[in-house]
Amino acid sequence: MVELLLLLLLLIFPFLLYVAAPQIRKMLSSGVCTSTVQLPGKVVVVTGANTGIGKETAKELAQRGARVYLACRDVQKGELVAKEIQTMTGNQQVLVRRLDLSDTKSIRAFAKGFLAEEKHLHILINNAGVMMCPYSKTADGFEMHIGVNHLGHFLLTHLLLEKLKESAPSRIVNVSSLAHLLGRIHFHNLQGEKFYHAGLAYCHSKLANILFTQELARRLKGSGVTTYSVHPGTVQSELIRHSSFMRWMWWLFSFFIKTPQQGAQTSLHCALTEGLEILSGSHFSDCHVAWVSAQARNETVARRLWDVSCDLLGLPMD
């Protein structure tokens, strides 16, 4: 009798999960950007905008009338996405420019071209990222996670910062993760050469995103430029492409996973919602201010990481 009940449970449980999945997903993605702000005449840059959260973020900003730059490594894929967004929104001001965050030459070339092309920049969304890569280095010799997720966006933000100040009020949104809870900034092993774990390397880089956001907010106080870090949630995206285990886990628990559109909501909330200026430097999840780890609140580590990042990138330490 017990065996029969167990068999019935095994047969029925997947069906119940399938039926309940929409309700579960809705419950787990309660945060929705409710801002009605329109963006005619505004200029936006979204990194990693040819897929996933970045694509959905760019689409919504284009829908609101912004001139949107899709900054991505795969230009061909980016052009297809740009045409899709143009068709869906009726906004033809969706442009693609090449940006490879694993190569500082590409980052500098993107910034140089953008600054020559545009007089303003109102919103910068540092969305692109890598996750759980096998140990590898960027073109400049940085460990891939810290190089792309942190240093790449650190340099890009630095190069575009004066334009953001000139366009104030303006905003910077850095996409981080709940994974920062497991992160640590090991200054003696920042490039993972002494010890390396792909999962933890991702966590360290996401912690760096939050520390960067907080230190940037401190330095930008009074400039009219505000900055926020966000946890988008657990989202179905190409970010897990390097891990077969994570792909399997995402499939197994697909009813808990947000869609890219749902995952984009907190980035949009921080980019658009009026009155957030007093919360500059804060971390958001599901469109609300969220708790961060003690490591992520360490001002001494944040300042040291800023200085070390400047040194690695050859930037002045002001």
Protein backbone atom coordinates (compact mmCIF):
# COMPACT_ATOMS: atom_id res chain seq x y z
CA MET A 1 0.00 0.00 0.00
CA VAL A 2 2.82 2.40 0.91
CA GLU A 3 4.62 1.60 -2.35
CA LEU A 4 1.47 2.37 -4.29
CA LEU A 5 1.06 5.73 -2.56
CA LEU A 6 4.69 6.61 -3.27
CA LEU A 7 4.25 5.70 -6.92
CA LEU A 8 1.16 7.86 -7.17
CA LEU A 9 3.02 10.74 -5.51
CA LEU A 10 5.90 10.45 -7.96
CA LEU A 11 3.47 10.49 -10.86
CA ILE A 12 1.29 13.32 -9.56
CA PHE A 13 3.96 15.63 -8.06
CA PRO A 14 5.49 16.77 -11.40
CA PHE A 15 2.00 17.43 -12.75
CA LEU A 16 1.10 19.52 -9.69
CA LEU A 17 4.31 21.52 -10.08
CA TYR A 18 3.53 22.12 -13.74
CA VAL A 19 0.02 23.32 -12.92
CA ALA A 20 1.22 25.49 -10.03
CA ALA A 21 4.26 26.89 -11.83
CA PRO A 22 2.65 30.17 -13.02
CA GLN A 23 1.39 30.92 -9.50
CA ILE A 24 4.74 30.02 -7.93
CA ARG A 25 6.62 32.16 -10.43
CA LYS A 26 4.24 35.07 -9.85
CA MET A 27 4.72 34.78 -6.09
CA LEU A 28 8.51 34.73 -6.44
CA SER A 29 8.63 37.71 -8.80
CA SER A 30 6.49 40.18 -6.89
CA GLY A 31 8.67 43.18 -7.78
CA VAL A 32 7.33 45.13 -10.74
CA CYS A 33 8.47 48.54 -11.94
CA THR A 34 5.39 50.75 -11.69
CA SER A 35 6.98 53.97 -12.90
CA THR A 36 5.18 55.71 -15.75
CA VAL A 37 8.15 57.94 -16.59
CA GLN A 38 8.67 58.50 -20.31
CA LEU A 39 12.11 59.06 -21.84
CA PRO A 40 11.89 61.15 -25.03
CA GLY A 41 15.21 62.89 -25.62
CA LYS A 42 17.03 60.70 -23.09
CA VAL A 43 20.09 58.61 -23.96
CA VAL A 44 20.70 55.19 -22.44
CA VAL A 45 23.50 52.62 -22.60
CA VAL A 46 22.77 49.00 -21.65
CA THR A 47 25.64 46.50 -21.62
CA GLY A 48 24.90 42.91 -22.58
CA ALA A 49 21.67 44.04 -24.22
CA ASN A 50 21.51 41.38 -26.93
CA THR A 51 20.01 38.73 -24.64
CA GLY A 52 18.23 38.05 -21.37
CA ILE A 53 17.69 40.78 -18.80
CA GLY A 54 19.65 43.32 -20.81
CA LYS A 55 17.48 42.81 -23.87
CA GLU A 56 14.27 43.19 -21.88
CA THR A 57 15.62 46.28 -20.11
CA ALA A 58 16.60 47.88 -23.42
CA LYS A 59 13.22 47.02 -24.93
CA GLU A 60 11.30 48.72 -22.13
CA LEU A 61 13.49 51.83 -22.22
CA ALA A 62 13.04 52.05 -25.99
CA GLN A 63 9.29 51.64 -25.50
CA ARG A 64 9.42 54.75 -23.32
CA GLY A 65 11.06 56.77 -26.08
CA ALA A 66 14.75 56.71 -25.15
CA ARG A 67 17.63 56.57 -27.58
CA VAL A 68 19.08 53.23 -26.55
CA TYR A 69 22.58 51.87 -27.20
CA LEU A 70 22.91 48.10 -27.11
CA ALA A 71 26.52 47.66 -26.01
CA CYS A 72 27.43 44.05 -26.72
CA ARG A 73 30.25 41.82 -27.89
CA ASP A 74 28.24 40.01 -30.59
CA VAL A 75 27.29 42.83 -32.95
CA GLN A 76 25.51 40.56 -35.42
CA LYS A 77 23.22 39.22 -32.71
CA GLY A 78 22.83 42.75 -31.40
CA GLU A 79 21.61 44.00 -34.78
CA LEU A 80 18.93 41.30 -34.86
CA VAL A 81 17.78 42.29 -31.38
CA ALA A 82 17.81 46.00 -32.32
CA LYS A 83 15.55 45.31 -35.32
CA GLU A 84 13.24 43.27 -33.12
CA ILE A 85 12.99 46.09 -30.56
CA GLN A 86 12.49 48.69 -33.30
CA THR A 87 9.63 46.65 -34.75
CA MET A 88 8.00 46.01 -31.38
CA THR A 89 8.28 49.55 -30.02
CA GLY A 90 8.19 51.67 -33.15
CA ASN A 91 11.33 53.41 -31.84
CA GLN A 92 14.02 53.49 -34.51
CA GLN A 93 16.58 54.99 -32.13
CA VAL A 94 17.94 51.62 -31.03
CA LEU A 95 21.62 51.42 -31.90
CA VAL A 96 24.23 48.67 -31.61
CA ARG A 97 27.85 49.28 -30.73
CA ARG A 98 30.54 46.70 -30.05
CA LEU A 99 31.72 46.37 -26.46
CA ASP A 100 33.86 43.50 -25.19
CA LEU A 101 34.20 43.90 -21.44
CA SER A 102 37.04 41.38 -21.36
CA ASP A 103 39.27 43.75 -23.33
CA THR A 104 40.08 47.26 -22.08
CA LYS A 105 40.97 48.35 -25.64
CA SER A 106 37.41 47.51 -26.71
CA ILE A 107 35.98 49.36 -23.70
CA ARG A 108 38.03 52.46 -24.47
CA ALA A 109 37.09 52.28 -28.15
CA PHE A 110 33.39 52.04 -27.27
CA ALA A 111 33.61 55.01 -24.90
CA LYS A 112 35.56 57.09 -27.40
CA GLY A 113 33.02 56.41 -30.15
CA PHE A 114 30.05 57.07 -27.89
CA LEU A 115 31.45 60.35 -26.56
CA ALA A 116 32.09 61.53 -30.12
CA GLU A 117 28.58 60.54 -31.15
CA GLU A 118 26.45 61.73 -28.23
CA LYS A 119 26.16 64.97 -26.28
CA HIS A 120 24.34 63.37 -23.36
CA LEU A 121 24.07 60.17 -21.32
CA HIS A 122 21.23 59.92 -18.82
CA ILE A 123 21.18 56.23 -17.85
CA LEU A 124 24.00 53.68 -17.80
CA ILE A 125 22.99 50.11 -17.00
CA ASN A 126 25.96 47.85 -16.31
CA ASN A 127 24.15 44.61 -16.97
CA ALA A 128 26.53 42.27 -18.82
CA GLY A 129 28.33 39.51 -16.99
CA VAL A 130 29.84 36.04 -16.95
CA MET A 131 29.19 33.22 -14.51
CA MET A 132 31.04 30.07 -13.47
CA CYS A 133 33.64 30.20 -16.23
CA PRO A 134 36.49 27.71 -16.21
CA TYR A 135 39.63 29.53 -15.10
CA SER A 136 40.65 31.95 -17.82
CA LYS A 137 41.94 35.48 -18.19
CA THR A 138 40.84 38.57 -20.04
CA ALA A 139 42.90 40.19 -22.78
CA ASP A 140 44.58 42.26 -20.06
CA GLY A 141 45.40 39.32 -17.79
CA PHE A 142 42.56 39.69 -15.28
CA GLU A 143 40.66 36.67 -13.98
CA MET A 144 37.54 36.51 -16.15
CA HIS A 145 34.85 37.11 -13.49
CA ILE A 146 36.53 40.02 -11.74
CA GLY A 147 37.75 41.31 -15.10
CA VAL A 148 34.40 41.38 -16.89
CA ASN A 149 31.88 41.76 -14.07
CA HIS A 150 33.79 44.34 -12.05
CA LEU A 151 36.83 45.86 -13.75
CA GLY A 152 35.22 46.09 -17.19
CA HIS A 153 32.24 48.03 -15.87
CA PHE A 154 34.46 50.03 -13.52
CA LEU A 155 36.47 51.29 -16.50
CA LEU A 156 33.41 51.89 -18.67
CA THR A 157 31.74 53.91 -15.92
CA HIS A 158 34.90 55.93 -15.34
CA LEU A 159 35.19 56.79 -19.04
CA LEU A 160 31.53 57.87 -19.28
CA LEU A 161 31.30 59.60 -15.91
CA GLU A 162 31.88 63.18 -17.07
CA LYS A 163 29.15 62.79 -19.68
CA LEU A 164 26.79 61.49 -17.00
CA LYS A 165 27.63 64.49 -14.79
CA GLU A 166 27.02 66.90 -17.68
CA SER A 167 23.64 65.22 -18.28
CA ALA A 168 22.51 65.22 -14.64
CA PRO A 169 20.18 64.18 -13.22
CA SER A 170 21.43 60.82 -14.41
CA ARG A 171 21.68 57.28 -13.05
CA ILE A 172 23.98 54.27 -13.03
CA VAL A 173 22.56 50.80 -12.34
CA ASN A 174 24.93 47.93 -11.56
CA VAL A 175 23.49 44.42 -11.83
CA SER A 176 24.80 42.35 -8.93
CA SER A 177 23.37 39.22 -7.30
CA LEU A 178 22.27 37.60 -4.06
CA ALA A 179 25.37 35.48 -4.64
CA HIS A 180 27.38 38.35 -3.17
CA LEU A 181 26.55 36.81 0.22
CA LEU A 182 29.23 34.16 -0.43
CA GLY A 183 31.68 36.69 -1.84
CA ARG A 184 34.92 37.92 -0.34
CA ILE A 185 37.48 40.34 -1.72
CA HIS A 186 40.81 38.52 -1.41
CA PHE A 187 43.24 41.26 -2.36
CA HIS A 188 46.13 38.78 -2.21
CA ASN A 189 44.35 36.53 -4.73
CA LEU A 190 42.20 38.93 -6.76
CA GLN A 191 43.14 37.17 -10.03
CA GLY A 192 42.54 33.66 -8.69
CA GLU A 193 46.10 32.52 -9.28
CA LYS A 194 46.64 31.05 -5.80
CA PHE A 195 43.29 29.28 -5.54
CA TYR A 196 40.22 29.29 -7.76
CA HIS A 197 36.61 28.11 -7.67
CA ALA A 198 34.37 29.11 -10.57
CA GLY A 199 31.25 29.53 -8.41
CA LEU A 200 32.99 31.56 -5.73
CA ALA A 201 34.77 33.70 -8.33
CA TYR A 202 31.33 34.77 -9.54
CA CYS A 203 30.26 35.54 -5.96
CA HIS A 204 33.39 37.64 -5.36
CA SER A 205 32.72 39.68 -8.51
CA LYS A 206 29.10 40.31 -7.48
CA LEU A 207 30.29 41.55 -4.09
CA ALA A 208 32.67 43.85 -5.95
CA ASN A 209 29.67 45.28 -7.86
CA ILE A 210 27.98 46.31 -4.61
CA LEU A 211 31.15 47.74 -3.07
CA PHE A 212 31.78 49.71 -6.28
CA THR A 213 28.23 51.07 -6.21
CA GLN A 214 28.55 52.26 -2.63
CA GLU A 215 31.94 53.90 -3.09
CA LEU A 216 30.80 55.49 -6.36
CA ALA A 217 27.72 56.91 -4.63
CA ARG A 218 29.93 58.40 -1.92
CA ARG A 219 32.20 60.05 -4.49
CA LEU A 220 29.29 61.32 -6.61
CA LYS A 221 27.39 62.93 -3.74
CA GLY A 222 26.07 66.31 -4.86
CA SER A 223 26.90 65.72 -8.54
CA GLY A 224 23.36 64.88 -9.66
CA VAL A 225 24.47 61.37 -10.64
CA THR A 226 23.07 58.56 -8.51
CA THR A 227 23.87 54.87 -8.54
CA TYR A 228 22.22 51.65 -7.42
CA SER A 229 23.04 47.93 -7.36
CA VAL A 230 20.38 45.31 -7.99
CA HIS A 231 19.70 41.63 -7.52
CA PRO A 232 17.50 40.67 -10.49
CA GLY A 233 16.45 37.34 -9.02
CA THR A 234 17.11 33.86 -10.36
CA VAL A 235 16.49 34.35 -14.06
CA GLN A 236 16.35 32.10 -17.10
CA SER A 237 19.23 33.43 -19.19
CA GLU A 238 22.43 32.54 -21.02
CA LEU A 239 24.48 33.42 -17.93
CA ILE A 240 24.62 29.75 -16.87
CA ARG A 241 25.96 28.56 -20.23
CA HIS A 242 29.35 27.58 -18.76
CA SER A 243 27.91 25.17 -16.19
CA SER A 244 26.07 21.98 -17.16
CA PHE A 245 25.19 21.50 -13.48
CA MET A 246 23.56 24.93 -13.28
CA ARG A 247 21.68 24.33 -16.53
CA TRP A 248 20.33 21.09 -15.04
CA MET A 249 19.37 22.84 -11.80
CA TRP A 250 17.66 25.66 -13.72
CA TRP A 251 15.68 23.04 -15.67
CA LEU A 252 14.79 21.06 -12.54
CA PHE A 253 13.53 24.13 -10.71
CA SER A 254 12.24 26.02 -13.72
CA PHE A 255 8.99 26.83 -11.90
CA PHE A 256 11.03 28.99 -9.49
CA ILE A 257 12.94 30.82 -12.22
CA LYS A 258 12.01 34.31 -13.37
CA THR A 259 11.61 35.17 -17.01
CA PRO A 260 14.06 37.77 -18.39
CA GLN A 261 11.21 40.32 -18.43
CA GLN A 262 10.56 39.71 -14.73
CA GLY A 263 14.29 39.83 -14.04
CA ALA A 264 14.57 43.25 -15.67
CA GLN A 265 12.04 44.90 -13.35
CA THR A 266 14.41 45.95 -10.58
CA SER A 267 16.92 47.44 -13.04
CA LEU A 268 14.06 49.40 -14.58
CA HIS A 269 12.81 50.47 -11.15
CA CYS A 270 16.21 51.91 -10.25
CA ALA A 271 16.62 53.56 -13.65
CA LEU A 272 13.18 55.16 -13.78
CA THR A 273 11.45 55.57 -10.43
CA GLU A 274 11.24 59.17 -9.25
CA GLY A 275 12.46 60.07 -5.78
CA LEU A 276 15.18 57.41 -5.48
CA GLU A 277 17.99 59.96 -5.36
CA ILE A 278 18.20 59.87 -1.55
CA LEU A 279 18.82 56.11 -1.79
CA SER A 280 21.91 56.41 -3.99
CA GLY A 281 24.34 53.61 -3.18
CA SER A 282 21.57 51.28 -2.01
CA HIS A 283 21.02 47.70 -3.09
CA PHE A 284 17.62 46.65 -4.49
CA SER A 285 15.79 43.38 -5.00
CA ASP A 286 12.22 42.97 -6.28
CA CYS A 287 12.03 46.76 -6.59
CA HIS A 288 12.69 47.34 -2.89
CA VAL A 289 15.78 48.22 -0.87
CA ALA A 290 17.42 44.95 0.13
CA TRP A 291 19.76 43.77 2.85
CA VAL A 292 23.40 43.13 1.97
CA SER A 293 26.10 41.16 3.77
CA ALA A 294 28.51 42.66 6.30
CA GLN A 295 31.27 42.35 3.69
CA ALA A 296 29.18 44.45 1.30
CA ARG A 297 28.87 47.20 3.93
CA ASN A 298 32.59 47.45 4.63
CA GLU A 299 33.62 50.99 3.62
CA THR A 300 37.31 50.26 4.13
CA VAL A 301 37.21 47.35 1.69
CA ALA A 302 35.16 49.43 -0.77
CA ARG A 303 37.74 52.22 -0.77
CA ARG A 304 40.66 49.83 -1.09
CA LEU A 305 38.93 47.98 -3.94
CA TRP A 306 38.46 51.32 -5.70
CA ASP A 307 42.16 52.14 -5.38
CA VAL A 308 43.27 48.67 -6.46
CA SER A 309 40.90 48.80 -9.45
CA CYS A 310 42.30 52.17 -10.51
CA ASP A 311 45.83 50.80 -10.21
CA LEU A 312 45.04 47.71 -12.30
CA LEU A 313 43.38 49.81 -15.00
CA GLY A 314 45.92 52.61 -15.03
CA LEU A 315 43.43 55.20 -13.83
CA PRO A 316 44.22 58.14 -11.53
CA MET A 317 43.37 57.58 -7.86
CA ASP A 318 41.44 60.71 -7.01
